[in-house]
C-alpha atoms as a PDB file:
ATOM      1  CA  UNK A   1      22.189  40.039  -8.041  1.00  0.00           C
ATOM      2  CA  UNK A   2      24.658  37.655  -6.439  1.00  0.00           C
ATOM      3  CA  UNK A   3      25.896  37.440  -2.878  1.00  0.00           C
ATOM      4  CA  UNK A   4      27.929  35.044  -0.745  1.00  0.00           C
ATOM      5  CA  UNK A   5      26.684  33.514   2.523  1.00  0.00           C
ATOM      6  CA  UNK A   6      28.392  31.202   5.015  1.00  0.00           C
ATOM      7  CA  UNK A   7      26.912  28.500   7.218  1.00  0.00           C
ATOM      8  CA  UNK A   8      26.556  29.640  10.816  1.00  0.00           C
ATOM      9  CA  UNK A   9      27.582  27.104  13.461  1.00  0.00           C
ATOM     10  CA  UNK A  10      26.630  28.915  16.676  1.00  0.00           C
ATOM     11  CA  UNK A  11      23.151  30.255  17.327  1.00  0.00           C
ATOM     12  CA  UNK A  12      21.513  32.213  20.110  1.00  0.00           C
ATOM     13  CA  UNK A  13      21.470  35.829  21.296  1.00  0.00           C
ATOM     14  CA  UNK A  14      25.064  35.881  22.582  1.00  0.00           C
ATOM     15  CA  UNK A  15      26.439  34.236  19.446  1.00  0.00           C
ATOM     16  CA  UNK A  16      24.514  36.695  17.232  1.00  0.00           C
ATOM     17  CA  UNK A  17      25.862  39.654  19.211  1.00  0.00           C
ATOM     18  CA  UNK A  18      29.436  38.416  18.841  1.00  0.00           C
ATOM     19  CA  UNK A  19      28.811  37.832  15.146  1.00  0.00           C
ATOM     20  CA  UNK A  20      27.616  41.415  14.666  1.00  0.00           C
ATOM     21  CA  UNK A  21      30.600  42.756  16.626  1.00  0.00           C
ATOM     22  CA  UNK A  22      32.888  40.944  14.166  1.00  0.00           C
ATOM     23  CA  UNK A  23      31.258  42.638  11.150  1.00  0.00           C
ATOM     24  CA  UNK A  24      28.902  39.798  10.193  1.00  0.00           C
ATOM     25  CA  UNK A  25      25.113  39.592  10.094  1.00  0.00           C
ATOM     26  CA  UNK A  26      23.136  36.488  11.120  1.00  0.00           C
ATOM     27  CA  UNK A  27      20.380  35.185   8.888  1.00  0.00           C
ATOM     28  CA  UNK A  28      18.404  32.146   7.848  1.00  0.00           C
ATOM     29  CA  UNK A  29      17.444  30.564   4.536  1.00  0.00           C
ATOM     30  CA  UNK A  30      14.411  28.281   4.350  1.00  0.00           C
ATOM     31  CA  UNK A  31      12.069  26.678   1.846  1.00  0.00           C
ATOM     32  CA  UNK A  32      12.362  24.010  -0.807  1.00  0.00           C
ATOM     33  CA  UNK A  33      12.881  20.411   0.292  1.00  0.00           C
ATOM     34  CA  UNK A  34      15.755  21.340   2.591  1.00  0.00           C
ATOM     35  CA  UNK A  35      15.870  22.071   6.302  1.00  0.00           C
ATOM     36  CA  UNK A  36      16.245  25.764   7.233  1.00  0.00           C
ATOM     37  CA  UNK A  37      19.916  26.751   7.326  1.00  0.00           C
ATOM     38  CA  UNK A  38      21.430  29.318   9.701  1.00  0.00           C
ATOM     39  CA  UNK A  39      23.730  31.607   7.718  1.00  0.00           C
ATOM     40  CA  UNK A  40      25.954  34.635   8.179  1.00  0.00           C
ATOM     41  CA  UNK A  41      26.890  37.379   5.729  1.00  0.00           C
ATOM     42  CA  UNK A  42      29.475  40.131   5.543  1.00  0.00           C
ATOM     43  CA  UNK A  43      27.659  43.142   7.006  1.00  0.00           C
ATOM     44  CA  UNK A  44      29.158  45.867   4.797  1.00  0.00           C
ATOM     45  CA  UNK A  45      28.440  43.980   1.586  1.00  0.00           C
ATOM     46  CA  UNK A  46      24.903  43.251   2.833  1.00  0.00           C
ATOM     47  CA  UNK A  47      24.323  46.894   3.821  1.00  0.00           C
ATOM     48  CA  UNK A  48      25.329  48.161   0.364  1.00  0.00           C
ATOM     49  CA  UNK A  49      23.219  45.495  -1.369  1.00  0.00           C
ATOM     50  CA  UNK A  50      20.212  46.436   0.772  1.00  0.00           C
ATOM     51  CA  UNK A  51      20.346  50.014  -0.562  1.00  0.00           C
ATOM     52  CA  UNK A  52      19.544  48.689  -4.043  1.00  0.00           C
ATOM     53  CA  UNK A  53      15.948  48.219  -5.123  1.00  0.00           C
ATOM     54  CA  UNK A  54      16.727  44.948  -6.927  1.00  0.00           C
ATOM     55  CA  UNK A  55      17.895  43.297  -3.686  1.00  0.00           C
ATOM     56  CA  UNK A  56      14.373  43.610  -2.262  1.00  0.00           C
ATOM     57  CA  UNK A  57      12.351  42.797  -5.388  1.00  0.00           C
ATOM     58  CA  UNK A  58      14.329  40.249  -7.429  1.00  0.00           C
ATOM     59  CA  UNK A  59      15.298  36.608  -7.379  1.00  0.00           C
ATOM     60  CA  UNK A  60      18.877  36.554  -6.017  1.00  0.00           C
ATOM     61  CA  UNK A  61      21.739  34.109  -6.542  1.00  0.00           C
ATOM     62  CA  UNK A  62      23.148  33.042  -3.166  1.00  0.00           C
ATOM     63  CA  UNK A  63      26.437  31.151  -3.010  1.00  0.00           C
ATOM     64  CA  UNK A  64      26.501  28.914   0.066  1.00  0.00           C
ATOM     65  CA  UNK A  65      29.061  26.170   0.738  1.00  0.00           C
ATOM     66  CA  UNK A  66      30.264  26.334  -2.849  1.00  0.00           C
ATOM     67  CA  UNK A  67      26.782  25.892  -4.326  1.00  0.00           C
ATOM     68  CA  UNK A  68      24.554  28.492  -5.942  1.00  0.00           C
ATOM     69  CA  UNK A  69      20.898  28.700  -4.893  1.00  0.00           C
ATOM     70  CA  UNK A  70      18.095  31.010  -5.986  1.00  0.00           C
ATOM     71  CA  UNK A  71      16.536  32.872  -3.078  1.00  0.00           C
ATOM     72  CA  UNK A  72      14.338  35.873  -2.322  1.00  0.00           C
ATOM     73  CA  UNK A  73      14.669  38.319   0.534  1.00  0.00           C
ATOM     74  CA  UNK A  74      11.677  37.789   2.819  1.00  0.00           C
ATOM     75  CA  UNK A  75      12.583  39.935   5.831  1.00  0.00           C
ATOM     76  CA  UNK A  76      15.326  42.347   6.855  1.00  0.00           C
ATOM     77  CA  UNK A  77      15.601  43.820  10.349  1.00  0.00           C
ATOM     78  CA  UNK A  78      17.435  47.097  10.918  1.00  0.00           C
ATOM     79  CA  UNK A  79      18.740  48.654  14.128  1.00  0.00           C
ATOM     80  CA  UNK A  80      16.357  51.448  15.269  1.00  0.00           C
ATOM     81  CA  UNK A  81      18.934  54.216  14.781  1.00  0.00           C
ATOM     82  CA  UNK A  82      22.328  52.774  13.804  1.00  0.00           C
ATOM     83  CA  UNK A  83      23.199  51.939  10.165  1.00  0.00           C
ATOM     84  CA  UNK A  84      23.098  48.248  11.055  1.00  0.00           C
ATOM     85  CA  UNK A  85      21.312  45.188   9.664  1.00  0.00           C
ATOM     86  CA  UNK A  86      20.418  42.911  12.585  1.00  0.00           C
ATOM     87  CA  UNK A  87      19.033  39.859  10.767  1.00  0.00           C
ATOM     88  CA  UNK A  88      17.929  38.674   7.307  1.00  0.00           C
ATOM     89  CA  UNK A  89      15.547  35.944   6.131  1.00  0.00           C
ATOM     90  CA  UNK A  90      15.735  34.391   2.661  1.00  0.00           C
ATOM     91  CA  UNK A  91      13.388  31.905   0.985  1.00  0.00           C
ATOM     92  CA  UNK A  92      14.668  29.320  -1.495  1.00  0.00           C
ATOM     93  CA  UNK A  93      12.810  29.467  -4.807  1.00  0.00           C
ATOM     94  CA  UNK A  94      12.892  27.622  -8.114  1.00  0.00           C
ATOM     95  CA  UNK A  95      11.822  28.896 -11.510  1.00  0.00           C
ATOM     96  CA  UNK A  96       8.357  27.359 -10.976  1.00  0.00           C
ATOM     97  CA  UNK A  97       7.796  28.621  -7.422  1.00  0.00           C
ATOM     98  CA  UNK A  98       4.656  30.797  -7.392  1.00  0.00           C
ATOM     99  CA  UNK A  99       5.453  34.079  -5.666  1.00  0.00           C
ATOM    100  CA  UNK A 100       3.255  36.784  -4.201  1.00  0.00           C
ATOM    101  CA  UNK A 101       5.507  39.834  -4.037  1.00  0.00           C
ATOM    102  CA  UNK A 102       5.467  43.635  -3.884  1.00  0.00           C
ATOM    103  CA  UNK A 103       7.192  45.075  -6.965  1.00  0.00           C
ATOM    104  CA  UNK A 104       8.395  48.713  -7.247  1.00  0.00           C
ATOM    105  CA  UNK A 105       6.659  51.099  -9.643  1.00  0.00           C
ATOM    106  CA  UNK A 106       8.797  53.301 -11.914  1.00  0.00           C
ATOM    107  CA  UNK A 107       7.000  56.408 -13.196  1.00  0.00           C
ATOM    108  CA  UNK A 108       8.107  57.512 -16.685  1.00  0.00           C
ATOM    109  CA  UNK A 109       7.046  60.117 -19.247  1.00  0.00           C
ATOM    110  CA  UNK A 110       5.678  62.769 -16.869  1.00  0.00           C
ATOM    111  CA  UNK A 111       7.500  65.628 -18.647  1.00  0.00           C
ATOM    112  CA  UNK A 112       5.823  64.746 -21.972  1.00  0.00           C
ATOM    113  CA  UNK A 113       2.293  64.561 -20.527  1.00  0.00           C
ATOM    114  CA  UNK A 114      -0.242  67.329 -21.287  1.00  0.00           C
ATOM    115  CA  UNK A 115      -0.866  67.544 -17.525  1.00  0.00           C
ATOM    116  CA  UNK A 116       2.714  68.666 -16.832  1.00  0.00           C
ATOM    117  CA  UNK A 117       3.675  70.232 -20.165  1.00  0.00           C
ATOM    118  CA  UNK A 118       0.548  72.329 -20.725  1.00  0.00           C
ATOM    119  CA  UNK A 119      -1.246  72.610 -17.377  1.00  0.00           C
ATOM    120  CA  UNK A 120       1.787  72.610 -15.034  1.00  0.00           C
ATOM    121  CA  UNK A 121       0.161  69.911 -12.879  1.00  0.00           C
ATOM    122  CA  UNK A 122       1.877  68.078 -10.077  1.00  0.00           C
ATOM    123  CA  UNK A 123       2.220  64.326 -10.505  1.00  0.00           C
ATOM    124  CA  UNK A 124       1.181  62.740  -7.229  1.00  0.00           C
ATOM    125  CA  UNK A 125       2.134  59.026  -6.842  1.00  0.00           C
ATOM    126  CA  UNK A 126      -0.302  57.349  -4.439  1.00  0.00           C
ATOM    127  CA  UNK A 127       1.486  53.974  -4.559  1.00  0.00           C
ATOM    128  CA  UNK A 128       5.193  53.246  -5.045  1.00  0.00           C
ATOM    129  CA  UNK A 129       4.861  49.453  -5.229  1.00  0.00           C
ATOM    130  CA  UNK A 130       2.185  46.949  -6.153  1.00  0.00           C
ATOM    131  CA  UNK A 131       1.340  43.339  -5.236  1.00  0.00           C
ATOM    132  CA  UNK A 132       1.757  40.834  -8.050  1.00  0.00           C
ATOM    133  CA  UNK A 133       1.692  37.067  -8.401  1.00  0.00           C
ATOM    134  CA  UNK A 134       3.788  35.021 -10.828  1.00  0.00           C
ATOM    135  CA  UNK A 135       6.306  32.201 -10.985  1.00  0.00           C
ATOM    136  CA  UNK A 136       9.804  33.165  -9.825  1.00  0.00           C
ATOM    137  CA  UNK A 137      11.278  33.043 -13.331  1.00  0.00           C
ATOM    138  CA  UNK A 138       8.782  35.730 -14.490  1.00  0.00           C
ATOM    139  CA  UNK A 139       9.181  38.125 -11.553  1.00  0.00           C
ATOM    140  CA  UNK A 140       9.835  41.647 -12.887  1.00  0.00           C
ATOM    141  CA  UNK A 141      12.366  43.868 -11.100  1.00  0.00           C
ATOM    142  CA  UNK A 142       9.887  46.755 -11.491  1.00  0.00           C
ATOM    143  CA  UNK A 143       6.777  47.812 -13.402  1.00  0.00           C
ATOM    144  CA  UNK A 144       6.772  50.967 -15.520  1.00  0.00           C
ATOM    145  CA  UNK A 145       3.862  53.393 -15.273  1.00  0.00           C
ATOM    146  CA  UNK A 146       3.595  55.480 -18.458  1.00  0.00           C
ATOM    147  CA  UNK A 147       2.441  59.017 -17.604  1.00  0.00           C
ATOM    148  CA  UNK A 148       2.991  60.537 -21.062  1.00  0.00           C
ATOM    149  CA  UNK A 149      -0.738  60.714 -21.936  1.00  0.00           C
ATOM    150  CA  UNK A 150      -2.045  61.973 -18.586  1.00  0.00           C
ATOM    151  CA  UNK A 151      -4.256  65.069 -18.562  1.00  0.00           C
ATOM    152  CA  UNK A 152      -5.092  67.433 -15.719  1.00  0.00           C
ATOM    153  CA  UNK A 153      -7.230  65.820 -13.035  1.00  0.00           C
ATOM    154  CA  UNK A 154      -6.777  62.295 -14.395  1.00  0.00           C
ATOM    155  CA  UNK A 155      -5.712  59.246 -12.400  1.00  0.00           C
ATOM    156  CA  UNK A 156      -4.180  55.938 -13.377  1.00  0.00           C
ATOM    157  CA  UNK A 157      -5.605  52.892 -11.594  1.00  0.00           C
ATOM    158  CA  UNK A 158      -3.981  49.539 -10.873  1.00  0.00           C
ATOM    159  CA  UNK A 159      -6.142  47.821 -13.509  1.00  0.00           C
ATOM    160  CA  UNK A 160      -4.640  50.095 -16.203  1.00  0.00           C
ATOM    161  CA  UNK A 161      -1.045  49.035 -15.564  1.00  0.00           C
ATOM    162  CA  UNK A 162       0.670  47.088 -18.325  1.00  0.00           C
ATOM    163  CA  UNK A 163       1.989  43.926 -16.657  1.00  0.00           C
ATOM    164  CA  UNK A 164       4.575  41.574 -18.180  1.00  0.00           C
ATOM    165  CA  UNK A 165       3.354  38.262 -19.566  1.00  0.00           C
ATOM    166  CA  UNK A 166       2.626  35.739 -16.814  1.00  0.00           C
ATOM    167  CA  UNK A 167       2.300  38.401 -14.096  1.00  0.00           C
ATOM    168  CA  UNK A 168      -1.088  39.088 -12.497  1.00  0.00           C
ATOM    169  CA  UNK A 169      -2.263  41.785 -10.139  1.00  0.00           C
ATOM    170  CA  UNK A 170      -3.170  40.927  -6.545  1.00  0.00           C
ATOM    171  CA  UNK A 171      -5.811  43.555  -5.848  1.00  0.00           C
ATOM    172  CA  UNK A 172      -7.081  42.544  -2.363  1.00  0.00           C
ATOM    173  CA  UNK A 173     -10.738  42.854  -3.400  1.00  0.00           C
ATOM    174  CA  UNK A 174     -10.467  46.349  -4.924  1.00  0.00           C
ATOM    175  CA  UNK A 175     -11.163  45.112  -8.438  1.00  0.00           C
ATOM    176  CA  UNK A 176      -8.066  46.854  -9.709  1.00  0.00           C
ATOM    177  CA  UNK A 177      -9.505  50.268  -8.845  1.00  0.00           C
ATOM    178  CA  UNK A 178      -6.730  51.339  -6.459  1.00  0.00           C
ATOM    179  CA  UNK A 179      -5.404  54.724  -7.547  1.00  0.00           C
ATOM    180  CA  UNK A 180      -1.741  54.521  -8.515  1.00  0.00           C
ATOM    181  CA  UNK A 181      -1.017  58.131  -9.507  1.00  0.00           C
ATOM    182  CA  UNK A 182      -2.928  61.381 -10.080  1.00  0.00           C
ATOM    183  CA  UNK A 183      -2.252  64.629 -11.960  1.00  0.00           C
ATOM    184  CA  UNK A 184      -3.125  67.439  -9.551  1.00  0.00           C
ATOM    185  CA  UNK A 185      -3.677  71.018 -10.745  1.00  0.00           C
ATOM    186  CA  UNK A 186      -1.349  73.591  -9.127  1.00  0.00           C
ATOM    187  CA  UNK A 187      -2.872  75.469  -6.192  1.00  0.00           C
ATOM    188  CA  UNK A 188      -3.045  79.196  -5.598  1.00  0.00           C
ATOM    189  CA  UNK A 189      -4.554  80.805  -8.716  1.00  0.00           C
ATOM    190  CA  UNK A 190      -8.005  82.390  -8.872  1.00  0.00           C
ATOM    191  CA  UNK A 191      -8.544  80.690 -12.206  1.00  0.00           C
ATOM    192  CA  UNK A 192      -7.786  77.340 -10.591  1.00  0.00           C
ATOM    193  CA  UNK A 193     -10.312  78.017  -7.836  1.00  0.00           C
ATOM    194  CA  UNK A 194     -12.937  78.974 -10.417  1.00  0.00           C
ATOM    195  CA  UNK A 195     -12.304  75.804 -12.401  1.00  0.00           C
ATOM    196  CA  UNK A 196     -12.498  73.684  -9.253  1.00  0.00           C
ATOM    197  CA  UNK A 197     -15.831  75.290  -8.333  1.00  0.00           C
ATOM    198  CA  UNK A 198     -17.183  74.698 -11.845  1.00  0.00           C
ATOM    199  CA  UNK A 199     -16.164  71.051 -11.678  1.00  0.00           C
END
């Protein structure tokens, strides 16, 4: 994704308020061998970009002062109840920058799974994103979770995910045993209750 930013001359609470009133959003870009730079962005364009998953989980191309830089969104602050972005933080990255980032999970193949097709189970995602580590050039926009072989009562754990080459799981000491998704039997039937008791 690409976006355009402009250098911001005035800083401070009053200047930021006036900026927002004029349809712009204040922000900052830092990292690399360059001093942090105060920036401003068109609010409407930023708001629409922020609705897209890729804006939060991908390396972005930022045009600033006629030059293109690769950055990642590090923080975005929203107004408590208005559809308004108050501030954004970006980090400069290069292709070799090692990133630790949450990546969205995309669940595919549920309809073909025996759990759904035969046993009418409910697919219950426990996680919708996962922590990975890789260099910026290898960062995936998402990770697919294949549900097509799931059976009733089964779970898929983080260690079973198929990660792209060069991408590793950050498991926070769980040994990859965090549950990602489960196939839960439908509730309500006497047969189901009997099966549950037998199990």
